[in-house]
């Protein structure tokens, strides 16, 4: 996030909204998904335009709370989101061969280093 100049700091002290012209960077356009077990809902908070368009296409309504940074919140029932475990991939024969080569190279390097000591 950028530093504020002395003029912008002075404006913020006097109640002016200085963030109206500021655009969030890609790193600042994060998406946070929080679960609320008590109300059985997910809250998705994002500033990413792609996620906002996706949620709008799927028919979800934005929370109407004001946010000066441009973040938008969506509330989704628990049963609408499925949490998946990562898929475990099996190594190919080529990947196994590469690992064996690397292990052998490391072993020979350590043997050579121990002989020179």
PDB file of N, CA and C in Angstrom:
ATOM      1  N   UNK A   1       0.843  -1.168   0.000  1.00  0.00           N
ATOM      2  CA  UNK A   1       0.000   0.000   0.000  1.00  0.00           C
ATOM      3  C   UNK A   1       0.891   1.234   0.000  1.00  0.00           C
ATOM      4  N   UNK A   2       0.487   2.259  -0.692  1.00  0.00           N
ATOM      5  CA  UNK A   2       1.328   3.444  -0.818  1.00  0.00           C
ATOM      6  C   UNK A   2       1.251   4.312   0.433  1.00  0.00           C
ATOM      7  N   UNK A   3       2.314   5.111   0.636  1.00  0.00           N
ATOM      8  CA  UNK A   3       2.325   6.048   1.761  1.00  0.00           C
ATOM      9  C   UNK A   3       1.491   7.271   1.413  1.00  0.00           C
ATOM     10  N   UNK A   4       0.889   7.861   2.412  1.00  0.00           N
ATOM     11  CA  UNK A   4       0.109   9.079   2.204  1.00  0.00           C
ATOM     12  C   UNK A   4       1.031  10.295   2.297  1.00  0.00           C
ATOM     13  N   UNK A   5       0.779  11.261   1.427  1.00  0.00           N
ATOM     14  CA  UNK A   5       1.564  12.486   1.488  1.00  0.00           C
ATOM     15  C   UNK A   5       1.098  13.334   2.672  1.00  0.00           C
ATOM     16  N   UNK A   6       1.863  14.381   2.977  1.00  0.00           N
ATOM     17  CA  UNK A   6       1.482  15.226   4.112  1.00  0.00           C
ATOM     18  C   UNK A   6       0.157  15.939   3.847  1.00  0.00           C
ATOM     19  N   UNK A   7      -0.167  16.236   2.575  1.00  0.00           N
ATOM     20  CA  UNK A   7      -1.449  16.876   2.260  1.00  0.00           C
ATOM     21  C   UNK A   7      -2.605  15.902   2.466  1.00  0.00           C
ATOM     22  N   UNK A   8      -2.412  14.642   2.062  1.00  0.00           N
ATOM     23  CA  UNK A   8      -3.469  13.657   2.243  1.00  0.00           C
ATOM     24  C   UNK A   8      -3.698  13.359   3.720  1.00  0.00           C
ATOM     25  N   UNK A   9      -2.616  13.321   4.505  1.00  0.00           N
ATOM     26  CA  UNK A   9      -2.783  13.119   5.940  1.00  0.00           C
ATOM     27  C   UNK A   9      -3.564  14.269   6.568  1.00  0.00           C
ATOM     28  N   UNK A  10      -3.282  15.477   6.122  1.00  0.00           N
ATOM     29  CA  UNK A  10      -3.999  16.645   6.637  1.00  0.00           C
ATOM     30  C   UNK A  10      -5.474  16.565   6.255  1.00  0.00           C
ATOM     31  N   UNK A  11      -5.774  16.119   5.011  1.00  0.00           N
ATOM     32  CA  UNK A  11      -7.168  15.976   4.589  1.00  0.00           C
ATOM     33  C   UNK A  11      -7.894  14.935   5.426  1.00  0.00           C
ATOM     34  N   UNK A  12      -7.202  13.839   5.754  1.00  0.00           N
ATOM     35  CA  UNK A  12      -7.866  12.788   6.526  1.00  0.00           C
ATOM     36  C   UNK A  12      -8.170  13.263   7.944  1.00  0.00           C
ATOM     37  N   UNK A  13      -7.350  14.152   8.478  1.00  0.00           N
ATOM     38  CA  UNK A  13      -7.617  14.678   9.822  1.00  0.00           C
ATOM     39  C   UNK A  13      -8.854  15.561   9.839  1.00  0.00           C
ATOM     40  N   UNK A  14      -9.149  16.179   8.702  1.00  0.00           N
ATOM     41  CA  UNK A  14     -10.284  17.100   8.640  1.00  0.00           C
ATOM     42  C   UNK A  14     -11.550  16.446   8.097  1.00  0.00           C
ATOM     43  N   UNK A  15     -11.551  15.129   8.025  1.00  0.00           N
ATOM     44  CA  UNK A  15     -12.778  14.423   7.678  1.00  0.00           C
ATOM     45  C   UNK A  15     -13.035  14.253   6.196  1.00  0.00           C
ATOM     46  N   UNK A  16     -12.097  14.565   5.332  1.00  0.00           N
ATOM     47  CA  UNK A  16     -12.310  14.372   3.903  1.00  0.00           C
ATOM     48  C   UNK A  16     -11.985  12.929   3.548  1.00  0.00           C
ATOM     49  N   UNK A  17     -12.717  12.380   2.586  1.00  0.00           N
ATOM     50  CA  UNK A  17     -12.462  11.008   2.155  1.00  0.00           C
ATOM     51  C   UNK A  17     -11.367  11.022   1.103  1.00  0.00           C
ATOM     52  N   UNK A  18     -10.179  10.568   1.487  1.00  0.00           N
ATOM     53  CA  UNK A  18      -9.040  10.640   0.575  1.00  0.00           C
ATOM     54  C   UNK A  18      -8.917   9.397  -0.292  1.00  0.00           C
ATOM     55  N   UNK A  19      -9.678   8.345  -0.035  1.00  0.00           N
ATOM     56  CA  UNK A  19      -9.480   7.094  -0.744  1.00  0.00           C
ATOM     57  C   UNK A  19     -10.401   6.942  -1.954  1.00  0.00           C
ATOM     58  N   UNK A  20     -11.103   7.966  -2.363  1.00  0.00           N
ATOM     59  CA  UNK A  20     -12.035   7.825  -3.476  1.00  0.00           C
ATOM     60  C   UNK A  20     -11.320   7.609  -4.800  1.00  0.00           C
ATOM     61  N   UNK A  21     -10.111   8.139  -4.978  1.00  0.00           N
ATOM     62  CA  UNK A  21      -9.390   7.997  -6.236  1.00  0.00           C
ATOM     63  C   UNK A  21      -8.368   6.870  -6.209  1.00  0.00           C
ATOM     64  N   UNK A  22      -8.237   6.175  -5.129  1.00  0.00           N
ATOM     65  CA  UNK A  22      -7.211   5.140  -4.990  1.00  0.00           C
ATOM     66  C   UNK A  22      -7.721   3.818  -5.559  1.00  0.00           C
ATOM     67  N   UNK A  23      -6.921   3.172  -6.403  1.00  0.00           N
ATOM     68  CA  UNK A  23      -7.266   1.863  -6.973  1.00  0.00           C
ATOM     69  C   UNK A  23      -6.469   0.784  -6.237  1.00  0.00           C
ATOM     70  N   UNK A  24      -7.135  -0.286  -5.862  1.00  0.00           N
ATOM     71  CA  UNK A  24      -6.453  -1.385  -5.187  1.00  0.00           C
ATOM     72  C   UNK A  24      -5.590  -2.148  -6.182  1.00  0.00           C
ATOM     73  N   UNK A  25      -4.403  -2.572  -5.748  1.00  0.00           N
ATOM     74  CA  UNK A  25      -3.542  -3.389  -6.594  1.00  0.00           C
ATOM     75  C   UNK A  25      -4.080  -4.813  -6.621  1.00  0.00           C
ATOM     76  N   UNK A  26      -3.539  -5.663  -7.490  1.00  0.00           N
ATOM     77  CA  UNK A  26      -3.991  -7.059  -7.567  1.00  0.00           C
ATOM     78  C   UNK A  26      -3.761  -7.784  -6.239  1.00  0.00           C
ATOM     79  N   UNK A  27      -2.661  -7.438  -5.551  1.00  0.00           N
ATOM     80  CA  UNK A  27      -2.393  -8.080  -4.263  1.00  0.00           C
ATOM     81  C   UNK A  27      -3.407  -7.655  -3.209  1.00  0.00           C
ATOM     82  N   UNK A  28      -3.907  -6.428  -3.318  1.00  0.00           N
ATOM     83  CA  UNK A  28      -4.873  -5.929  -2.338  1.00  0.00           C
ATOM     84  C   UNK A  28      -6.298  -6.386  -2.641  1.00  0.00           C
ATOM     85  N   UNK A  29      -6.529  -6.931  -3.826  1.00  0.00           N
ATOM     86  CA  UNK A  29      -7.864  -7.393  -4.197  1.00  0.00           C
ATOM     87  C   UNK A  29      -8.061  -8.839  -3.751  1.00  0.00           C
ATOM     88  N   UNK A  30      -7.793  -9.091  -2.500  1.00  0.00           N
ATOM     89  CA  UNK A  30      -7.868 -10.450  -1.982  1.00  0.00           C
ATOM     90  C   UNK A  30      -9.311 -10.904  -1.803  1.00  0.00           C
ATOM     91  N   UNK A  31      -9.489 -12.209  -1.681  1.00  0.00           N
ATOM     92  CA  UNK A  31     -10.792 -12.804  -1.413  1.00  0.00           C
ATOM     93  C   UNK A  31     -10.673 -13.624  -0.142  1.00  0.00           C
ATOM     94  N   UNK A  32     -11.559 -13.356   0.814  1.00  0.00           N
ATOM     95  CA  UNK A  32     -11.556 -14.054   2.092  1.00  0.00           C
ATOM     96  C   UNK A  32     -12.888 -14.784   2.223  1.00  0.00           C
ATOM     97  N   UNK A  33     -12.820 -16.072   2.582  1.00  0.00           N
ATOM     98  CA  UNK A  33     -14.031 -16.872   2.789  1.00  0.00           C
ATOM     99  C   UNK A  33     -14.059 -17.290   4.252  1.00  0.00           C
ATOM    100  N   UNK A  34     -15.098 -16.850   4.953  1.00  0.00           N
ATOM    101  CA  UNK A  34     -15.228 -17.158   6.383  1.00  0.00           C
ATOM    102  C   UNK A  34     -16.505 -17.956   6.607  1.00  0.00           C
ATOM    103  N   UNK A  35     -16.407 -18.963   7.457  1.00  0.00           N
ATOM    104  CA  UNK A  35     -17.577 -19.752   7.799  1.00  0.00           C
ATOM    105  C   UNK A  35     -18.136 -19.346   9.149  1.00  0.00           C
ATOM    106  N   UNK A  36     -19.447 -19.331   9.255  1.00  0.00           N
ATOM    107  CA  UNK A  36     -20.119 -19.017  10.506  1.00  0.00           C
ATOM    108  C   UNK A  36     -20.988 -20.220  10.866  1.00  0.00           C
ATOM    109  N   UNK A  37     -20.520 -21.024  11.805  1.00  0.00           N
ATOM    110  CA  UNK A  37     -21.225 -22.252  12.172  1.00  0.00           C
ATOM    111  C   UNK A  37     -22.561 -21.966  12.855  1.00  0.00           C
ATOM    112  N   UNK A  38     -22.658 -20.850  13.544  1.00  0.00           N
ATOM    113  CA  UNK A  38     -23.899 -20.536  14.269  1.00  0.00           C
ATOM    114  C   UNK A  38     -25.054 -20.270  13.296  1.00  0.00           C
ATOM    115  N   UNK A  39     -24.777 -19.532  12.226  1.00  0.00           N
ATOM    116  CA  UNK A  39     -25.856 -19.212  11.285  1.00  0.00           C
ATOM    117  C   UNK A  39     -25.813 -20.095  10.034  1.00  0.00           C
ATOM    118  N   UNK A  40     -24.877 -21.038   9.974  1.00  0.00           N
ATOM    119  CA  UNK A  40     -24.731 -21.958   8.843  1.00  0.00           C
ATOM    120  C   UNK A  40     -24.595 -21.216   7.522  1.00  0.00           C
ATOM    121  N   UNK A  41     -23.679 -20.231   7.516  1.00  0.00           N
ATOM    122  CA  UNK A  41     -23.458 -19.427   6.318  1.00  0.00           C
ATOM    123  C   UNK A  41     -21.969 -19.211   6.082  1.00  0.00           C
ATOM    124  N   UNK A  42     -21.614 -19.007   4.816  1.00  0.00           N
ATOM    125  CA  UNK A  42     -20.287 -18.560   4.424  1.00  0.00           C
ATOM    126  C   UNK A  42     -20.376 -17.090   4.093  1.00  0.00           C
ATOM    127  N   UNK A  43     -19.373 -16.338   4.488  1.00  0.00           N
ATOM    128  CA  UNK A  43     -19.287 -14.942   4.067  1.00  0.00           C
ATOM    129  C   UNK A  43     -18.065 -14.821   3.164  1.00  0.00           C
ATOM    130  N   UNK A  44     -18.285 -14.334   1.962  1.00  0.00           N
ATOM    131  CA  UNK A  44     -17.204 -14.136   1.002  1.00  0.00           C
ATOM    132  C   UNK A  44     -16.996 -12.639   0.866  1.00  0.00           C
ATOM    133  N   UNK A  45     -15.792 -12.175   1.229  1.00  0.00           N
ATOM    134  CA  UNK A  45     -15.448 -10.762   1.167  1.00  0.00           C
ATOM    135  C   UNK A  45     -14.356 -10.624   0.113  1.00  0.00           C
ATOM    136  N   UNK A  46     -14.590  -9.781  -0.890  1.00  0.00           N
ATOM    137  CA  UNK A  46     -13.631  -9.668  -1.982  1.00  0.00           C
ATOM    138  C   UNK A  46     -13.640  -8.269  -2.585  1.00  0.00           C
ATOM    139  N   UNK A  47     -12.518  -7.926  -3.221  1.00  0.00           N
ATOM    140  CA  UNK A  47     -12.439  -6.712  -4.027  1.00  0.00           C
ATOM    141  C   UNK A  47     -12.041  -7.074  -5.453  1.00  0.00           C
ATOM    142  N   UNK A  48     -11.959  -8.380  -5.741  1.00  0.00           N
ATOM    143  CA  UNK A  48     -11.575  -8.855  -7.067  1.00  0.00           C
ATOM    144  C   UNK A  48     -12.767  -8.741  -8.014  1.00  0.00           C
ATOM    145  N   UNK A  49     -12.624  -7.976  -9.094  1.00  0.00           N
ATOM    146  CA  UNK A  49     -13.763  -7.791 -10.012  1.00  0.00           C
ATOM    147  C   UNK A  49     -14.247  -9.102 -10.640  1.00  0.00           C
ATOM    148  N   UNK A  50     -13.345 -10.051 -10.881  1.00  0.00           N
ATOM    149  CA  UNK A  50     -13.756 -11.329 -11.470  1.00  0.00           C
ATOM    150  C   UNK A  50     -14.683 -12.090 -10.530  1.00  0.00           C
ATOM    151  N   UNK A  51     -14.328 -12.121  -9.243  1.00  0.00           N
ATOM    152  CA  UNK A  51     -15.153 -12.830  -8.256  1.00  0.00           C
ATOM    153  C   UNK A  51     -16.495 -12.122  -8.093  1.00  0.00           C
ATOM    154  N   UNK A  52     -16.476 -10.805  -8.093  1.00  0.00           N
ATOM    155  CA  UNK A  52     -17.727 -10.042  -7.957  1.00  0.00           C
ATOM    156  C   UNK A  52     -18.661 -10.344  -9.127  1.00  0.00           C
ATOM    157  N   UNK A  53     -18.115 -10.371 -10.361  1.00  0.00           N
ATOM    158  CA  UNK A  53     -18.950 -10.686 -11.537  1.00  0.00           C
ATOM    159  C   UNK A  53     -19.460 -12.118 -11.471  1.00  0.00           C
ATOM    160  N   UNK A  54     -18.618 -13.057 -11.044  1.00  0.00           N
ATOM    161  CA  UNK A  54     -19.022 -14.456 -10.930  1.00  0.00           C
ATOM    162  C   UNK A  54     -20.179 -14.601  -9.949  1.00  0.00           C
ATOM    163  N   UNK A  55     -20.071 -13.958  -8.793  1.00  0.00           N
ATOM    164  CA  UNK A  55     -21.133 -14.050  -7.783  1.00  0.00           C
ATOM    165  C   UNK A  55     -22.428 -13.418  -8.297  1.00  0.00           C
ATOM    166  N   UNK A  56     -22.315 -12.311  -9.035  1.00  0.00           N
ATOM    167  CA  UNK A  56     -23.507 -11.664  -9.586  1.00  0.00           C
ATOM    168  C   UNK A  56     -24.173 -12.563 -10.635  1.00  0.00           C
ATOM    169  N   UNK A  57     -23.361 -13.213 -11.477  1.00  0.00           N
ATOM    170  CA  UNK A  57     -23.919 -14.125 -12.484  1.00  0.00           C
ATOM    171  C   UNK A  57     -24.636 -15.298 -11.845  1.00  0.00           C
ATOM    172  N   UNK A  58     -24.149 -15.742 -10.701  1.00  0.00           N
ATOM    173  CA  UNK A  58     -24.777 -16.872 -10.011  1.00  0.00           C
ATOM    174  C   UNK A  58     -25.990 -16.454  -9.180  1.00  0.00           C
ATOM    175  N   UNK A  59     -26.286 -15.166  -9.159  1.00  0.00           N
ATOM    176  CA  UNK A  59     -27.506 -14.694  -8.509  1.00  0.00           C
ATOM    177  C   UNK A  59     -27.369 -14.304  -7.053  1.00  0.00           C
ATOM    178  N   UNK A  60     -26.156 -14.207  -6.534  1.00  0.00           N
ATOM    179  CA  UNK A  60     -25.981 -13.821  -5.135  1.00  0.00           C
ATOM    180  C   UNK A  60     -26.026 -12.303  -5.012  1.00  0.00           C
ATOM    181  N   UNK A  61     -26.651 -11.825  -3.955  1.00  0.00           N
ATOM    182  CA  UNK A  61     -26.807 -10.388  -3.716  1.00  0.00           C
ATOM    183  C   UNK A  61     -25.685  -9.881  -2.827  1.00  0.00           C
ATOM    184  N   UNK A  62     -25.192  -8.691  -3.153  1.00  0.00           N
ATOM    185  CA  UNK A  62     -24.150  -8.056  -2.346  1.00  0.00           C
ATOM    186  C   UNK A  62     -24.735  -7.552  -1.041  1.00  0.00           C
ATOM    187  N   UNK A  63     -23.930  -7.632   0.006  1.00  0.00           N
ATOM    188  CA  UNK A  63     -24.293  -7.011   1.273  1.00  0.00           C
ATOM    189  C   UNK A  63     -24.223  -5.502   1.067  1.00  0.00           C
ATOM    190  N   UNK A  64     -25.158  -4.763   1.594  1.00  0.00           N
ATOM    191  CA  UNK A  64     -25.262  -3.333   1.312  1.00  0.00           C
ATOM    192  C   UNK A  64     -24.446  -2.445   2.239  1.00  0.00           C
ATOM    193  N   UNK A  65     -23.580  -3.031   3.072  1.00  0.00           N
ATOM    194  CA  UNK A  65     -22.751  -2.219   3.957  1.00  0.00           C
ATOM    195  C   UNK A  65     -21.754  -1.398   3.144  1.00  0.00           C
ATOM    196  N   UNK A  66     -21.531  -0.163   3.551  1.00  0.00           N
ATOM    197  CA  UNK A  66     -20.569   0.719   2.886  1.00  0.00           C
ATOM    198  C   UNK A  66     -19.151   0.306   3.232  1.00  0.00           C
ATOM    199  N   UNK A  67     -18.271   0.309   2.235  1.00  0.00           N
ATOM    200  CA  UNK A  67     -16.869   0.008   2.440  1.00  0.00           C
ATOM    201  C   UNK A  67     -16.051   0.934   1.562  1.00  0.00           C
ATOM    202  N   UNK A  68     -15.260   1.838   2.145  1.00  0.00           N
ATOM    203  CA  UNK A  68     -14.528   2.819   1.339  1.00  0.00           C
ATOM    204  C   UNK A  68     -13.428   2.206   0.481  1.00  0.00           C
ATOM    205  N   UNK A  69     -12.991   0.977   0.770  1.00  0.00           N
ATOM    206  CA  UNK A  69     -11.906   0.353   0.015  1.00  0.00           C
ATOM    207  C   UNK A  69     -12.401  -0.406  -1.191  1.00  0.00           C
ATOM    208  N   UNK A  70     -13.686  -0.555  -1.363  1.00  0.00           N
ATOM    209  CA  UNK A  70     -14.219  -1.256  -2.527  1.00  0.00           C
ATOM    210  C   UNK A  70     -14.451  -2.742  -2.306  1.00  0.00           C
ATOM    211  N   UNK A  71     -14.350  -3.214  -1.063  1.00  0.00           N
ATOM    212  CA  UNK A  71     -14.624  -4.617  -0.796  1.00  0.00           C
ATOM    213  C   UNK A  71     -16.121  -4.867  -0.823  1.00  0.00           C
ATOM    214  N   UNK A  72     -16.506  -6.037  -1.281  1.00  0.00           N
ATOM    215  CA  UNK A  72     -17.909  -6.424  -1.376  1.00  0.00           C
ATOM    216  C   UNK A  72     -18.076  -7.727  -0.615  1.00  0.00           C
ATOM    217  N   UNK A  73     -19.196  -7.878   0.059  1.00  0.00           N
ATOM    218  CA  UNK A  73     -19.460  -9.059   0.866  1.00  0.00           C
ATOM    219  C   UNK A  73     -20.679  -9.799   0.324  1.00  0.00           C
ATOM    220  N   UNK A  74     -20.586 -11.128   0.285  1.00  0.00           N
ATOM    221  CA  UNK A  74     -21.698 -11.984  -0.121  1.00  0.00           C
ATOM    222  C   UNK A  74     -21.922 -13.007   0.982  1.00  0.00           C
ATOM    223  N   UNK A  75     -23.194 -13.338   1.251  1.00  0.00           N
ATOM    224  CA  UNK A  75     -23.554 -14.354   2.242  1.00  0.00           C
ATOM    225  C   UNK A  75     -24.136 -15.545   1.480  1.00  0.00           C
ATOM    226  N   UNK A  76     -23.570 -16.739   1.750  1.00  0.00           N
ATOM    227  CA  UNK A  76     -23.971 -17.949   1.033  1.00  0.00           C
ATOM    228  C   UNK A  76     -24.252 -19.043   2.057  1.00  0.00           C
ATOM    229  N   UNK A  77     -25.331 -19.823   1.897  1.00  0.00           N
ATOM    230  CA  UNK A  77     -25.597 -20.934   2.821  1.00  0.00           C
ATOM    231  C   UNK A  77     -24.500 -21.997   2.751  1.00  0.00           C
ATOM    232  N   UNK A  78     -24.310 -22.706   3.864  1.00  0.00           N
ATOM    233  CA  UNK A  78     -23.275 -23.739   3.941  1.00  0.00           C
ATOM    234  C   UNK A  78     -23.409 -24.788   2.836  1.00  0.00           C
ATOM    235  N   UNK A  79     -24.644 -25.193   2.530  1.00  0.00           N
ATOM    236  CA  UNK A  79     -24.825 -26.288   1.575  1.00  0.00           C
ATOM    237  C   UNK A  79     -24.519 -25.900   0.128  1.00  0.00           C
ATOM    238  N   UNK A  80     -24.285 -24.607  -0.147  1.00  0.00           N
ATOM    239  CA  UNK A  80     -23.981 -24.157  -1.511  1.00  0.00           C
ATOM    240  C   UNK A  80     -22.488 -24.216  -1.846  1.00  0.00           C
ATOM    241  N   UNK A  81     -21.634 -24.434  -0.834  1.00  0.00           N
ATOM    242  CA  UNK A  81     -20.185 -24.483  -1.050  1.00  0.00           C
ATOM    243  C   UNK A  81     -19.682 -25.849  -0.622  1.00  0.00           C
ATOM    244  N   UNK A  82     -18.900 -26.465  -1.491  1.00  0.00           N
ATOM    245  CA  UNK A  82     -18.334 -27.769  -1.185  1.00  0.00           C
ATOM    246  C   UNK A  82     -16.827 -27.624  -1.027  1.00  0.00           C
ATOM    247  N   UNK A  83     -16.311 -28.059   0.114  1.00  0.00           N
ATOM    248  CA  UNK A  83     -14.877 -27.978   0.385  1.00  0.00           C
ATOM    249  C   UNK A  83     -14.271 -29.325   0.010  1.00  0.00           C
ATOM    250  N   UNK A  84     -13.308 -29.289  -0.908  1.00  0.00           N
ATOM    251  CA  UNK A  84     -12.685 -30.512  -1.402  1.00  0.00           C
ATOM    252  C   UNK A  84     -11.280 -30.670  -0.852  1.00  0.00           C
ATOM    253  N   UNK A  85     -10.853 -31.908  -0.691  1.00  0.00           N
ATOM    254  CA  UNK A  85      -9.472 -32.186  -0.315  1.00  0.00           C
ATOM    255  C   UNK A  85      -8.624 -32.133  -1.577  1.00  0.00           C
ATOM    256  N   UNK A  86      -7.352 -31.782  -1.433  1.00  0.00           N
ATOM    257  CA  UNK A  86      -6.496 -31.779  -2.613  1.00  0.00           C
ATOM    258  C   UNK A  86      -6.308 -33.194  -3.152  1.00  0.00           C
ATOM    259  N   UNK A  87      -6.248 -33.283  -4.457  1.00  0.00           N
ATOM    260  CA  UNK A  87      -6.076 -34.580  -5.105  1.00  0.00           C
ATOM    261  C   UNK A  87      -4.618 -35.009  -5.018  1.00  0.00           C
ATOM    262  N   UNK A  88      -4.399 -36.240  -4.609  1.00  0.00           N
ATOM    263  CA  UNK A  88      -3.030 -36.753  -4.533  1.00  0.00           C
ATOM    264  C   UNK A  88      -2.664 -37.300  -5.901  1.00  0.00           C
ATOM    265  N   UNK A  89      -1.556 -36.808  -6.427  1.00  0.00           N
ATOM    266  CA  UNK A  89      -1.113 -37.255  -7.741  1.00  0.00           C
ATOM    267  C   UNK A  89      -0.036 -38.319  -7.591  1.00  0.00           C
ATOM    268  N   UNK A  90      -0.050 -39.262  -8.499  1.00  0.00           N
ATOM    269  CA  UNK A  90       0.985 -40.286  -8.521  1.00  0.00           C
ATOM    270  C   UNK A  90       2.102 -39.807  -9.443  1.00  0.00           C
ATOM    271  N   UNK A  91       3.328 -40.092  -9.033  1.00  0.00           N
ATOM    272  CA  UNK A  91       4.471 -39.684  -9.842  1.00  0.00           C
ATOM    273  C   UNK A  91       4.606 -40.584 -11.066  1.00  0.00           C
ATOM    274  N   UNK A  92       5.008 -39.976 -12.171  1.00  0.00           N
ATOM    275  CA  UNK A  92       5.283 -40.747 -13.377  1.00  0.00           C
ATOM    276  C   UNK A  92       6.657 -41.399 -13.241  1.00  0.00           C
ATOM    277  N   UNK A  93       6.941 -42.320 -14.138  1.00  0.00           N
ATOM    278  CA  UNK A  93       8.240 -42.995 -14.115  1.00  0.00           C
ATOM    279  C   UNK A  93       9.377 -42.004 -14.350  1.00  0.00           C
ATOM    280  N   UNK A  94       9.164 -41.041 -15.211  1.00  0.00           N
ATOM    281  CA  UNK A  94      10.186 -40.023 -15.474  1.00  0.00           C
ATOM    282  C   UNK A  94      10.489 -39.185 -14.236  1.00  0.00           C
ATOM    283  N   UNK A  95       9.445 -38.819 -13.478  1.00  0.00           N
ATOM    284  CA  UNK A  95       9.645 -38.046 -12.251  1.00  0.00           C
ATOM    285  C   UNK A  95      10.399 -38.868 -11.213  1.00  0.00           C
ATOM    286  N   UNK A  96      10.077 -40.163 -11.118  1.00  0.00           N
ATOM    287  CA  UNK A  96      10.789 -41.027 -10.173  1.00  0.00           C
ATOM    288  C   UNK A  96      12.270 -41.146 -10.555  1.00  0.00           C
ATOM    289  N   UNK A  97      12.529 -41.257 -11.860  1.00  0.00           N
ATOM    290  CA  UNK A  97      13.910 -41.360 -12.331  1.00  0.00           C
ATOM    291  C   UNK A  97      14.683 -40.081 -12.035  1.00  0.00           C
ATOM    292  N   UNK A  98      14.045 -38.932 -12.211  1.00  0.00           N
ATOM    293  CA  UNK A  98      14.699 -37.652 -11.918  1.00  0.00           C
ATOM    294  C   UNK A  98      15.038 -37.526 -10.431  1.00  0.00           C
ATOM    295  N   UNK A  99      14.156 -37.991  -9.581  1.00  0.00           N
ATOM    296  CA  UNK A  99      14.411 -37.933  -8.140  1.00  0.00           C
ATOM    297  C   UNK A  99      15.585 -38.838  -7.778  1.00  0.00           C
ATOM    298  N   UNK A 100      15.619 -40.035  -8.362  1.00  0.00           N
ATOM    299  CA  UNK A 100      16.735 -40.955  -8.089  1.00  0.00           C
ATOM    300  C   UNK A 100      18.066 -40.361  -8.558  1.00  0.00           C
ATOM    301  N   UNK A 101      18.071 -39.708  -9.722  1.00  0.00           N
ATOM    302  CA  UNK A 101      19.291 -39.064 -10.227  1.00  0.00           C
ATOM    303  C   UNK A 101      19.759 -37.978  -9.274  1.00  0.00           C
ATOM    304  N   UNK A 102      18.820 -37.179  -8.794  1.00  0.00           N
ATOM    305  CA  UNK A 102      19.167 -36.088  -7.873  1.00  0.00           C
ATOM    306  C   UNK A 102      19.713 -36.643  -6.558  1.00  0.00           C
ATOM    307  N   UNK A 103      19.113 -37.724  -6.057  1.00  0.00           N
ATOM    308  CA  UNK A 103      19.588 -38.331  -4.812  1.00  0.00           C
ATOM    309  C   UNK A 103      20.985 -38.917  -4.995  1.00  0.00           C
ATOM    310  N   UNK A 104      21.226 -39.551  -6.131  1.00  0.00           N
ATOM    311  CA  UNK A 104      22.551 -40.129  -6.399  1.00  0.00           C
ATOM    312  C   UNK A 104      23.599 -39.032  -6.535  1.00  0.00           C
ATOM    313  N   UNK A 105      23.243 -37.942  -7.214  1.00  0.00           N
ATOM    314  CA  UNK A 105      24.183 -36.829  -7.379  1.00  0.00           C
ATOM    315  C   UNK A 105      24.520 -36.222  -6.019  1.00  0.00           C
ATOM    316  N   UNK A 106      23.540 -36.070  -5.170  1.00  0.00           N
ATOM    317  CA  UNK A 106      23.771 -35.514  -3.837  1.00  0.00           C
ATOM    318  C   UNK A 106      24.661 -36.445  -3.009  1.00  0.00           C
ATOM    319  N   UNK A 107      24.409 -37.748  -3.144  1.00  0.00           N
ATOM    320  CA  UNK A 107      25.184 -38.729  -2.395  1.00  0.00           C
ATOM    321  C   UNK A 107      26.647 -38.716  -2.841  1.00  0.00           C
ATOM    322  N   UNK A 108      26.878 -38.650  -4.144  1.00  0.00           N
ATOM    323  CA  UNK A 108      28.264 -38.620  -4.635  1.00  0.00           C
ATOM    324  C   UNK A 108      28.953 -37.321  -4.254  1.00  0.00           C
ATOM    325  N   UNK A 109      28.222 -36.212  -4.255  1.00  0.00           N
ATOM    326  CA  UNK A 109      28.809 -34.928  -3.831  1.00  0.00           C
ATOM    327  C   UNK A 109      29.243 -34.953  -2.372  1.00  0.00           C
ATOM    328  N   UNK A 110      28.402 -35.540  -1.511  1.00  0.00           N
ATOM    329  CA  UNK A 110      28.763 -35.614  -0.082  1.00  0.00           C
ATOM    330  C   UNK A 110      29.930 -36.561   0.136  1.00  0.00           C
ATOM    331  N   UNK A 111      30.021 -37.648  -0.670  1.00  0.00           N
ATOM    332  CA  UNK A 111      31.153 -38.564  -0.560  1.00  0.00           C
ATOM    333  C   UNK A 111      32.446 -37.873  -0.978  1.00  0.00           C
ATOM    334  N   UNK A 112      32.382 -37.084  -2.054  1.00  0.00           N
ATOM    335  CA  UNK A 112      33.567 -36.368  -2.517  1.00  0.00           C
ATOM    336  C   UNK A 112      34.018 -35.341  -1.490  1.00  0.00           C
ATOM    337  N   UNK A 113      33.067 -34.640  -0.884  1.00  0.00           N
ATOM    338  CA  UNK A 113      33.406 -33.643   0.126  1.00  0.00           C
ATOM    339  C   UNK A 113      34.019 -34.286   1.354  1.00  0.00           C
ATOM    340  N   UNK A 114      33.526 -35.455   1.734  1.00  0.00           N
ATOM    341  CA  UNK A 114      34.074 -36.123   2.929  1.00  0.00           C
ATOM    342  C   UNK A 114      35.483 -36.650   2.662  1.00  0.00           C
ATOM    343  N   UNK A 115      35.795 -37.022   1.409  1.00  0.00           N
ATOM    344  CA  UNK A 115      37.133 -37.507   1.072  1.00  0.00           C
ATOM    345  C   UNK A 115      38.159 -36.387   1.076  1.00  0.00           C
ATOM    346  N   UNK A 116      37.744 -35.175   0.735  1.00  0.00           N
ATOM    347  CA  UNK A 116      38.673 -34.052   0.706  1.00  0.00           C
ATOM    348  C   UNK A 116      38.973 -33.527   2.086  1.00  0.00           C
ATOM    349  N   UNK A 117      38.167 -33.844   3.085  1.00  0.00           N
ATOM    350  CA  UNK A 117      38.415 -33.352   4.453  1.00  0.00           C
ATOM    351  C   UNK A 117      39.472 -34.113   5.080  1.00  0.00           C
TER     352      UNK A 117
END
